[in-house]
Amino acid sequence: MSTLARPMSLHVEHLADRRRFEAVVEGESCVADYLLSGDVMSITHTEVPARLGGRGIAAALTEAALEHARAAGLKVRPLCSYARAYMQRHPETLALLA
């Protein structure tokens, strides 16, 4: 179950073939990229254009990735500094750590 509310009208899409979670905001792509190795999802990169910062977009992308990992029975290795900090701020996600 989601621990945070996503910003209004933010739609996060899982692009499995590109190993990416993406939201398009004001025509700009915001992403969380990952790699899969066995049952471990390594979140490698989260990017939100600077002008869109501070709206909770990176949190929503990270939350979507973690929800996917939980539902798929995956463990998570947060290689991205944002994903690592997000998980530290949300101890309910720490059980997902690889």
Protein backbone atom coordinates (compact mmCIF):
# COMPACT_ATOMS: atom_id res chain seq x y z
CA MET A 1 0.00 0.00 0.00
CA SER A 2 1.18 3.49 -0.83
CA THR A 3 2.73 5.43 2.05
CA LEU A 4 2.64 8.85 0.38
CA ALA A 5 0.08 10.61 -1.75
CA ARG A 6 1.30 11.30 -5.26
CA PRO A 7 1.03 14.87 -6.51
CA MET A 8 -2.37 15.50 -8.10
CA SER A 9 -2.65 14.33 -11.70
CA LEU A 10 0.80 12.71 -11.67
CA HIS A 11 0.73 9.47 -13.62
CA VAL A 12 3.78 7.24 -13.16
CA GLU A 13 4.17 4.63 -15.88
CA HIS A 14 6.33 1.51 -15.62
CA LEU A 15 8.21 1.05 -18.90
CA ALA A 16 9.48 -2.46 -18.22
CA ASP A 17 11.18 -2.82 -21.62
CA ARG A 18 13.26 0.30 -20.82
CA ARG A 19 13.69 -0.60 -17.11
CA ARG A 20 12.26 2.77 -16.15
CA PHE A 21 9.48 4.45 -14.23
CA GLU A 22 8.46 7.67 -15.94
CA ALA A 23 6.13 10.60 -15.42
CA VAL A 24 5.68 13.36 -17.97
CA VAL A 25 5.12 16.69 -16.26
CA GLU A 26 4.54 19.86 -18.24
CA GLY A 27 5.92 18.07 -21.29
CA GLU A 28 9.14 17.02 -19.54
CA SER A 29 10.21 13.45 -18.78
CA CYS A 30 10.96 12.61 -15.14
CA VAL A 31 12.49 9.17 -14.59
CA ALA A 32 13.69 6.52 -12.18
CA ASP A 33 15.89 3.96 -13.95
CA TYR A 34 16.74 0.50 -12.66
CA LEU A 35 18.56 -2.72 -13.51
CA LEU A 36 17.41 -6.25 -12.70
CA SER A 37 19.74 -9.01 -11.63
CA GLY A 38 17.96 -12.13 -10.45
CA ASP A 39 15.55 -11.02 -7.74
CA VAL A 40 17.31 -7.68 -7.10
CA MET A 41 16.17 -4.35 -8.55
CA SER A 42 19.01 -1.81 -8.47
CA ILE A 43 17.66 1.73 -8.71
CA THR A 44 20.44 3.45 -10.60
CA HIS A 45 19.21 6.94 -11.41
CA THR A 46 16.39 9.33 -10.59
CA GLU A 47 16.05 12.54 -12.55
CA VAL A 48 13.59 15.41 -12.43
CA PRO A 49 14.33 18.62 -14.37
CA ALA A 50 15.36 21.39 -11.96
CA ARG A 51 12.43 23.62 -12.87
CA LEU A 52 10.06 20.85 -11.73
CA GLY A 53 11.84 20.19 -8.44
CA GLY A 54 10.17 20.40 -5.07
CA ARG A 55 6.85 18.93 -6.20
CA GLY A 56 7.32 15.39 -4.90
CA ILE A 57 7.90 13.94 -8.37
CA ALA A 58 11.11 12.07 -7.50
CA ALA A 59 9.39 10.68 -4.40
CA ALA A 60 6.46 9.45 -6.49
CA LEU A 61 8.81 7.78 -8.98
CA THR A 62 10.77 6.11 -6.19
CA GLU A 63 7.60 5.04 -4.43
CA ALA A 64 6.28 3.49 -7.66
CA ALA A 65 9.54 1.56 -8.10
CA LEU A 66 9.42 0.30 -4.51
CA GLU A 67 5.76 -0.69 -4.82
CA HIS A 68 6.61 -2.64 -7.97
CA ALA A 69 9.52 -4.37 -6.23
CA ARG A 70 7.33 -5.32 -3.28
CA ALA A 71 4.56 -6.68 -5.53
CA ALA A 72 7.05 -8.64 -7.67
CA GLY A 73 8.89 -10.11 -4.66
CA LEU A 74 12.11 -8.26 -5.49
CA LYS A 75 14.74 -6.87 -3.16
CA VAL A 76 16.05 -3.37 -3.81
CA ARG A 77 19.59 -2.02 -4.04
CA PRO A 78 19.33 1.81 -4.03
CA LEU A 79 22.44 2.83 -5.97
CA CYS A 80 20.94 6.24 -6.69
CA SER A 81 21.54 8.70 -3.84
CA TYR A 82 17.94 9.95 -3.97
CA ALA A 83 16.49 6.43 -3.72
CA ARG A 84 18.87 5.65 -0.85
CA ALA A 85 17.84 8.81 1.03
CA TYR A 86 14.15 8.11 0.33
CA MET A 87 14.42 4.65 1.85
CA GLN A 88 16.25 6.02 4.91
CA ARG A 89 13.44 8.58 5.40
CA HIS A 90 10.80 5.84 5.06
CA PRO A 91 11.82 3.00 7.36
CA GLU A 92 8.78 0.95 6.25
CA THR A 93 10.69 0.38 2.98
CA LEU A 94 13.86 -0.97 4.60
CA ALA A 95 12.62 -4.57 4.55
CA LEU A 96 13.04 -4.37 0.75
CA LEU A 97 16.80 -3.77 0.98
CA ALA A 98 18.97 -6.35 -0.77
